[in-house]
Amino acid sequence: MKYGLYIHVPCCIRKCSYCDFHSQPMTEAEARRFCGALEAELKNLPDGFSPSTIFIGGGTPTALPEDVFARMLQGIAERVNISGVKEWSCEANPGTLTAGKIASMREAGINRVSLGIQTFDERLLKLLNRIHTAEEAENSFRALRSGGFENISADLMYGLPGGSLAQVERDLERMLALNPEHISCYCLSIEKNTPLARMELPEITDEDSLGQYNLIRGKLKPAGFEHYEISNFAKPGRECMHNLLYWEGGEYIGCGPSAHSHWQGVRWANAADTEGYLCGPMKESEEKLEPEAKARETLVMGLRKIRGVSGRWFREQTGFDYYALRGEAIKKLIEDGLLEQAGDYLRLTERAIFVSNQVFSELV
């Protein structure tokens, strides 16, 4: 059985205008206290817990002061059995990377970095309240490559207010020139209570967003990227193993404020409260998933993969046949042209990929 470990670092330099993740600027003293609290939580991992993947996200982990960042990575390596780790990822943002932090990642055993570029358009970077310029993003990528990282993922956003097909194409050209191993492309979702929502900007139409998405797909395939999940593209063998664990119904433990876990049939979340976390992690919610509910969730998550869900694999994984589980809903979605059966695989149709949430809501 493969297990994952997620670590949420709630630190950032300043909030991006679209961000609704739990994060905040932290003083150096708060950052040090966070590391201490994280070390205490890691000590309480279940006996024998040995993850195959680790993912450090946030927030911006690399926003921590250089020595605190190094301490955090050392603390993870000392308190977690990393002997079986195949992929250890860390998120990073341009404007927060230093040579020292890159060296600390390499020394700790991190072998994959996810760089949050988002766009190379200077006007849109300001709209998103990013702390970096396009040139700094390129320099950060090259610094990671020079620092020895051979597996770099880069984030790109589309569907931005004021964006266009031409702008997305320019972003793709600059991204491909860097030659990353993996690209994640996310359509902007304007969440309530974010600064971007309060700006009351004219919304981009679904038709325009779909046009940009199709442009991305059309450009990345001939560049050697496989579209393996709704928002993710990878060169052969460079799919994100940690995210595949989520999409394939694997078990994982999350540490840090707001981190989620699913372990031995129980799902829980730490409270999204950094100050409270510094005094000790607090569970915000906990529920035991019945086998049928877990199976439905596994089906929905698996359908995020472009190849879909194998019926044989699903039975082995969950003990259920997905037609016995949700047969009427599946048949209707097939009739509506949103799902298709391709051999042993049930998968989204081409036109359903962009409106996948509509499909998932019918299957939960």
Protein backbone atom coordinates (compact mmCIF):
# COMPACT_ATOMS: atom_id res chain seq x y z
CA MET A 1 0.00 0.00 0.00
CA LYS A 2 1.27 3.47 -0.91
CA TYR A 3 0.88 6.29 1.61
CA GLY A 4 1.35 10.03 1.26
CA LEU A 5 2.38 12.78 3.65
CA TYR A 6 1.23 16.35 3.05
CA ILE A 7 2.68 19.26 5.02
CA HIS A 8 0.94 22.63 4.93
CA VAL A 9 3.13 25.68 5.52
CA PRO A 10 0.80 28.65 6.15
CA CYS A 11 3.46 31.27 5.43
CA CYS A 12 3.42 33.76 2.56
CA ILE A 13 4.96 37.16 1.84
CA ARG A 14 1.54 38.59 1.04
CA LYS A 15 -1.78 37.13 -0.07
CA CYS A 16 -2.41 36.83 -3.78
CA SER A 17 -5.67 38.48 -4.80
CA TYR A 18 -7.29 35.14 -5.79
CA CYS A 19 -6.06 33.01 -2.88
CA ASP A 20 -8.48 31.41 -0.43
CA PHE A 21 -6.00 28.89 0.98
CA HIS A 22 -5.04 29.20 4.62
CA SER A 23 -1.91 31.37 4.62
CA GLN A 24 -0.63 34.61 6.08
CA PRO A 25 2.53 36.69 6.46
CA MET A 26 4.55 35.41 9.43
CA THR A 27 7.23 37.04 11.54
CA GLU A 28 10.50 35.17 11.98
CA ALA A 29 9.48 34.32 15.54
CA GLU A 30 6.15 32.90 14.33
CA ALA A 31 7.94 30.90 11.64
CA ARG A 32 10.21 29.36 14.27
CA ARG A 33 7.25 28.51 16.47
CA PHE A 34 5.53 26.92 13.48
CA CYS A 35 8.53 24.65 12.92
CA GLY A 36 8.43 23.60 16.54
CA ALA A 37 4.71 22.82 16.33
CA LEU A 38 5.21 20.86 13.11
CA GLU A 39 7.99 18.81 14.67
CA ALA A 40 5.69 17.98 17.58
CA GLU A 41 2.93 16.86 15.22
CA LEU A 42 5.31 14.75 13.15
CA LYS A 43 6.40 12.91 16.30
CA ASN A 44 2.81 11.65 16.62
CA LEU A 45 2.59 10.02 13.20
CA PRO A 46 1.30 6.42 13.45
CA ASP A 47 3.85 3.74 14.25
CA GLY A 48 5.24 2.26 11.08
CA PHE A 49 3.97 5.12 8.88
CA SER A 50 6.30 5.16 5.89
CA PRO A 51 5.17 7.43 3.04
CA SER A 52 6.03 6.79 -0.57
CA THR A 53 5.43 10.47 -1.40
CA ILE A 54 5.80 13.73 0.52
CA PHE A 55 4.38 17.05 -0.64
CA ILE A 56 5.13 20.35 1.09
CA GLY A 57 2.60 23.02 0.10
CA GLY A 58 1.00 26.16 1.40
CA GLY A 59 1.07 29.08 1.43
CA THR A 60 4.60 29.36 0.20
CA PRO A 61 7.06 27.05 1.97
CA THR A 62 10.00 28.96 0.49
CA ALA A 63 8.71 32.18 2.10
CA LEU A 64 10.15 30.92 5.39
CA PRO A 65 13.48 32.51 6.41
CA GLU A 66 16.41 30.54 5.02
CA ASP A 67 17.55 29.00 8.29
CA VAL A 68 13.98 28.20 9.37
CA PHE A 69 13.30 26.55 6.02
CA ALA A 70 16.43 24.40 6.44
CA ARG A 71 15.37 23.50 9.99
CA MET A 72 11.91 22.45 8.81
CA LEU A 73 13.32 20.13 6.15
CA GLN A 74 15.81 18.64 8.59
CA GLY A 75 13.01 18.14 11.13
CA ILE A 76 10.94 16.24 8.55
CA ALA A 77 13.87 14.00 7.60
CA GLU A 78 14.58 13.24 11.28
CA ARG A 79 10.97 12.47 12.28
CA VAL A 80 9.58 10.72 9.21
CA ASN A 81 10.68 7.37 7.81
CA ILE A 82 11.77 8.60 4.39
CA SER A 83 13.52 5.38 3.35
CA GLY A 84 10.66 4.46 1.00
CA VAL A 85 9.99 7.93 -0.41
CA LYS A 86 10.00 7.89 -4.22
CA GLU A 87 8.89 11.49 -4.73
CA TRP A 88 9.39 14.42 -2.37
CA SER A 89 7.89 17.65 -3.74
CA CYS A 90 8.04 21.19 -2.44
CA GLU A 91 6.11 24.20 -3.69
CA ALA A 92 8.12 27.36 -4.32
CA ASN A 93 7.32 30.82 -5.58
CA PRO A 94 9.56 33.14 -7.59
CA GLY A 95 10.76 35.95 -5.37
CA THR A 96 11.26 33.65 -2.38
CA LEU A 97 13.93 31.28 -3.67
CA THR A 98 17.57 31.69 -2.68
CA ALA A 99 20.65 29.62 -3.42
CA GLY A 100 20.64 28.55 0.22
CA LYS A 101 17.03 27.30 0.08
CA ILE A 102 17.70 25.41 -3.15
CA ALA A 103 20.73 23.77 -1.52
CA SER A 104 18.68 22.89 1.57
CA MET A 105 16.07 21.16 -0.58
CA ARG A 106 18.70 19.12 -2.34
CA GLU A 107 20.42 18.17 0.91
CA ALA A 108 17.15 17.07 2.52
CA GLY A 109 16.28 14.76 -0.36
CA ILE A 110 13.61 16.79 -2.17
CA ASN A 111 13.62 15.64 -5.80
CA ARG A 112 10.72 17.61 -7.29
CA VAL A 113 9.87 21.32 -7.10
CA SER A 114 6.55 22.91 -8.10
CA LEU A 115 7.14 26.53 -9.12
CA GLY A 116 4.18 28.92 -9.01
CA ILE A 117 4.70 31.08 -12.09
CA GLN A 118 0.97 31.59 -12.98
CA THR A 119 1.60 34.03 -15.86
CA PHE A 120 4.39 35.96 -17.54
CA ASP A 121 2.14 38.93 -18.26
CA GLU A 122 3.31 41.82 -16.05
CA ARG A 123 -0.11 43.48 -15.98
CA LEU A 124 -1.80 40.27 -14.88
CA LEU A 125 0.89 39.54 -12.32
CA LYS A 126 0.03 42.86 -10.68
CA LEU A 127 -3.70 42.08 -10.84
CA LEU A 128 -3.03 38.77 -9.08
CA ASN A 129 -0.87 40.58 -6.47
CA ARG A 130 2.10 38.32 -7.17
CA ILE A 131 5.39 39.41 -5.62
CA HIS A 132 7.54 38.58 -8.66
CA THR A 133 8.08 39.70 -12.25
CA ALA A 134 8.17 37.49 -15.32
CA GLU A 135 11.95 37.79 -15.45
CA GLU A 136 12.24 36.72 -11.81
CA ALA A 137 10.08 33.68 -12.57
CA GLU A 138 12.41 32.63 -15.38
CA ASN A 139 15.47 33.26 -13.21
CA SER A 140 13.99 31.16 -10.38
CA PHE A 141 13.36 28.27 -12.76
CA ARG A 142 16.92 28.45 -14.10
CA ALA A 143 18.31 28.63 -10.56
CA LEU A 144 16.47 25.40 -9.69
CA ARG A 145 17.86 23.74 -12.80
CA SER A 146 21.39 24.96 -12.05
CA GLY A 147 20.92 23.75 -8.47
CA GLY A 148 20.51 20.19 -9.73
CA PHE A 149 16.75 19.70 -9.97
CA GLU A 150 15.81 17.44 -12.87
CA ASN A 151 12.07 17.31 -12.12
CA ILE A 152 10.45 20.74 -12.08
CA SER A 153 6.74 21.44 -12.38
CA ALA A 154 5.42 24.90 -13.23
CA ASP A 155 1.96 26.34 -12.58
CA LEU A 156 0.12 28.36 -15.22
CA MET A 157 -3.27 30.07 -14.85
CA TYR A 158 -5.77 30.85 -17.58
CA GLY A 159 -9.23 32.40 -17.65
CA LEU A 160 -7.81 35.58 -16.11
CA PRO A 161 -9.78 38.86 -16.22
CA GLY A 162 -8.31 40.86 -19.06
CA GLY A 163 -6.50 37.82 -20.45
CA SER A 164 -6.81 36.54 -24.00
CA LEU A 165 -5.90 33.72 -26.33
CA ALA A 166 -2.87 35.68 -27.48
CA GLN A 167 -1.76 36.24 -23.88
CA VAL A 168 -2.12 32.54 -23.03
CA GLU A 169 -0.17 31.61 -26.15
CA ARG A 170 2.65 33.97 -25.15
CA ASP A 171 2.66 32.44 -21.66
CA LEU A 172 2.90 28.95 -23.15
CA GLU A 173 5.79 29.94 -25.42
CA ARG A 174 7.80 31.30 -22.49
CA MET A 175 6.89 28.29 -20.36
CA LEU A 176 7.94 25.78 -23.00
CA ALA A 177 11.21 27.64 -23.53
CA LEU A 178 12.08 26.78 -19.91
CA ASN A 179 11.45 23.09 -20.66
CA PRO A 180 9.80 21.91 -17.41
CA GLU A 181 8.98 18.24 -16.86
CA HIS A 182 5.43 18.97 -15.71
CA ILE A 183 2.92 21.80 -16.19
CA SER A 184 -0.23 22.37 -14.13
CA CYS A 185 -2.80 24.63 -15.81
CA TYR A 186 -5.61 25.99 -13.67
CA CYS A 187 -8.63 28.00 -14.73
CA LEU A 188 -9.04 30.94 -12.36
CA SER A 189 -11.93 30.50 -9.97
CA ILE A 190 -12.84 33.75 -8.21
CA GLU A 191 -13.70 32.72 -4.66
CA LYS A 192 -15.86 34.74 -2.29
CA ASN A 193 -14.12 36.97 0.25
CA THR A 194 -10.95 37.27 -1.83
CA PRO A 195 -9.64 40.67 -2.96
CA LEU A 196 -10.25 39.66 -6.58
CA ALA A 197 -13.94 39.05 -5.85
CA ARG A 198 -14.24 42.49 -4.27
CA MET A 199 -12.79 44.16 -7.38
CA GLU A 200 -16.00 43.35 -9.31
CA LEU A 201 -14.09 42.79 -12.53
CA PRO A 202 -15.89 41.70 -15.70
CA GLU A 203 -15.92 37.90 -15.71
CA ILE A 204 -14.42 36.00 -18.58
CA THR A 205 -16.99 33.84 -20.36
CA ASP A 206 -16.98 30.05 -20.19
CA GLU A 207 -16.56 30.05 -23.96
CA ASP A 208 -13.39 32.15 -23.73
CA SER A 209 -12.00 29.99 -20.90
CA LEU A 210 -12.71 26.85 -22.90
CA GLY A 211 -10.94 28.36 -25.91
CA GLN A 212 -7.86 29.04 -23.78
CA TYR A 213 -7.98 25.52 -22.30
CA ASN A 214 -8.16 23.95 -25.74
CA LEU A 215 -5.26 26.12 -26.89
CA ILE A 216 -3.19 24.86 -23.95
CA ARG A 217 -4.04 21.24 -24.72
CA GLY A 218 -3.28 21.72 -28.39
CA LYS A 219 0.12 23.33 -27.72
CA LEU A 220 1.34 20.95 -25.02
CA LYS A 221 0.71 17.66 -26.80
CA PRO A 222 3.13 18.25 -29.71
CA ALA A 223 5.64 19.60 -27.17
CA GLY A 224 5.81 16.13 -25.62
CA PHE A 225 3.40 16.51 -22.71
CA GLU A 226 0.77 13.91 -21.92
CA HIS A 227 -2.53 15.30 -20.66
CA TYR A 228 -2.98 12.82 -17.82
CA GLU A 229 -5.39 14.69 -15.49
CA ILE A 230 -7.89 17.49 -16.04
CA SER A 231 -5.43 20.26 -15.11
CA ASN A 232 -2.09 18.45 -15.41
CA PHE A 233 0.35 17.67 -18.19
CA ALA A 234 3.59 15.72 -17.90
CA LYS A 235 6.44 14.40 -19.95
CA PRO A 236 6.55 10.58 -19.95
CA GLY A 237 7.24 9.23 -16.46
CA ARG A 238 6.97 12.67 -14.80
CA GLU A 239 3.37 12.51 -13.57
CA CYS A 240 2.99 13.77 -10.00
CA MET A 241 3.03 10.60 -7.90
CA HIS A 242 1.62 12.35 -4.83
CA ASN A 243 -1.42 13.68 -6.66
CA LEU A 244 -1.95 10.32 -8.37
CA LEU A 245 -2.18 8.82 -4.89
CA TYR A 246 -5.09 11.20 -4.15
CA TRP A 247 -6.79 10.48 -7.46
CA GLU A 248 -6.46 6.72 -6.98
CA GLY A 249 -8.00 6.60 -3.52
CA GLY A 250 -4.77 6.19 -1.55
CA GLU A 251 -4.32 7.02 2.12
CA TYR A 252 -2.48 10.08 3.35
CA ILE A 253 -1.81 12.11 6.45
CA GLY A 254 -1.70 15.91 6.47
CA CYS A 255 0.26 17.96 8.99
CA GLY A 256 0.02 21.71 9.55
CA PRO A 257 -2.95 24.05 9.97
CA SER A 258 -5.84 23.27 7.56
CA ALA A 259 -4.17 20.04 6.36
CA HIS A 260 -6.49 17.12 5.55
CA SER A 261 -5.96 13.41 6.20
CA HIS A 262 -7.55 10.13 5.16
CA TRP A 263 -6.16 7.22 7.13
CA GLN A 264 -7.59 3.75 7.79
CA GLY A 265 -11.11 4.75 6.82
CA VAL A 266 -11.19 7.96 8.85
CA ARG A 267 -11.03 11.44 7.33
CA TRP A 268 -10.19 14.55 9.33
CA ALA A 269 -8.87 18.09 8.96
CA ASN A 270 -6.71 20.26 11.16
CA ALA A 271 -8.28 23.59 12.03
CA ALA A 272 -7.37 26.47 9.70
CA ASP A 273 -5.93 28.41 12.63
CA THR A 274 -2.21 29.10 12.66
CA GLU A 275 -2.11 30.69 16.10
CA GLY A 276 -4.05 27.75 17.52
CA TYR A 277 -1.74 25.31 15.74
CA LEU A 278 1.27 26.85 17.42
CA CYS A 279 -0.22 25.65 20.71
CA GLY A 280 -0.92 22.18 19.30
CA PRO A 281 -2.87 20.85 16.25
CA MET A 282 -6.63 20.83 16.62
CA LYS A 283 -8.95 18.63 14.57
CA GLU A 284 -11.69 20.69 12.95
CA SER A 285 -13.70 17.74 11.70
CA GLU A 286 -13.56 13.95 11.67
CA GLU A 287 -15.71 11.35 9.95
CA LYS A 288 -15.54 7.64 9.31
CA LEU A 289 -16.29 6.83 5.70
CA GLU A 290 -18.46 3.80 5.04
CA PRO A 291 -17.04 1.50 2.32
CA GLU A 292 -19.72 2.53 -0.21
CA ALA A 293 -19.11 6.25 0.36
CA LYS A 294 -15.37 5.72 0.02
CA ALA A 295 -15.93 3.81 -3.22
CA ARG A 296 -18.03 6.63 -4.70
CA GLU A 297 -15.33 9.11 -3.76
CA THR A 298 -12.68 6.90 -5.36
CA LEU A 299 -14.73 6.74 -8.57
CA VAL A 300 -15.09 10.51 -8.77
CA MET A 301 -11.42 11.17 -8.00
CA GLY A 302 -10.34 8.53 -10.51
CA LEU A 303 -12.38 10.12 -13.26
CA ARG A 304 -10.14 13.17 -12.99
CA LYS A 305 -7.54 11.12 -14.83
CA ILE A 306 -7.89 11.43 -18.60
CA ARG A 307 -7.60 7.67 -19.12
CA GLY A 308 -10.44 7.15 -16.63
CA VAL A 309 -11.06 4.34 -14.16
CA SER A 310 -10.42 0.67 -14.86
CA GLY A 311 -13.34 -1.54 -13.80
CA ARG A 312 -10.99 -4.33 -12.74
CA TRP A 313 -8.78 -1.96 -10.73
CA PHE A 314 -11.85 -0.38 -9.11
CA ARG A 315 -13.19 -3.75 -7.94
CA GLU A 316 -9.80 -4.70 -6.50
CA GLN A 317 -9.42 -1.32 -4.80
CA THR A 318 -12.92 -0.90 -3.35
CA GLY A 319 -14.69 -4.24 -3.49
CA PHE A 320 -17.45 -2.68 -5.63
CA ASP A 321 -18.41 -2.75 -9.29
CA TYR A 322 -19.03 0.85 -10.32
CA TYR A 323 -22.09 -0.07 -12.34
CA ALA A 324 -23.58 -1.84 -9.32
CA LEU A 325 -22.65 1.20 -7.25
CA ARG A 326 -23.87 4.04 -9.51
CA GLY A 327 -25.19 2.27 -12.59
CA GLU A 328 -28.24 4.44 -13.32
CA ALA A 329 -26.27 7.68 -13.03
CA ILE A 330 -23.44 6.28 -15.18
CA LYS A 331 -25.84 5.11 -17.90
CA LYS A 332 -27.55 8.50 -18.02
CA LEU A 333 -24.21 10.32 -18.24
CA ILE A 334 -23.20 8.01 -21.10
CA GLU A 335 -26.50 8.75 -22.87
CA ASP A 336 -25.88 12.47 -22.37
CA GLY A 337 -22.45 12.15 -23.96
CA LEU A 338 -20.52 13.01 -20.79
CA LEU A 339 -19.06 9.58 -19.99
CA GLU A 340 -17.92 6.75 -22.23
CA GLN A 341 -16.86 3.14 -21.73
CA ALA A 342 -13.60 2.42 -23.54
CA GLY A 343 -12.77 -1.24 -23.01
CA ASP A 344 -12.26 -1.73 -19.27
CA TYR A 345 -12.08 2.04 -18.64
CA LEU A 346 -14.88 4.44 -17.79
CA ARG A 347 -13.81 7.97 -18.65
CA LEU A 348 -14.94 11.51 -19.32
CA THR A 349 -15.77 12.28 -22.93
CA GLU A 350 -13.87 14.99 -24.71
CA ARG A 351 -16.60 17.57 -24.20
CA ALA A 352 -17.04 16.64 -20.52
CA ILE A 353 -13.44 17.32 -19.48
CA PHE A 354 -13.98 21.08 -19.15
CA VAL A 355 -17.30 20.65 -17.31
CA SER A 356 -16.23 17.70 -15.18
CA ASN A 357 -17.82 19.03 -11.98
CA GLN A 358 -21.21 18.55 -13.63
CA VAL A 359 -20.40 14.86 -14.04
CA PHE A 360 -18.94 14.41 -10.57
CA SER A 361 -21.98 15.93 -8.87
CA GLU A 362 -24.11 13.15 -10.40
CA LEU A 363 -21.87 10.39 -9.06
CA VAL A 364 -21.08 11.36 -5.46
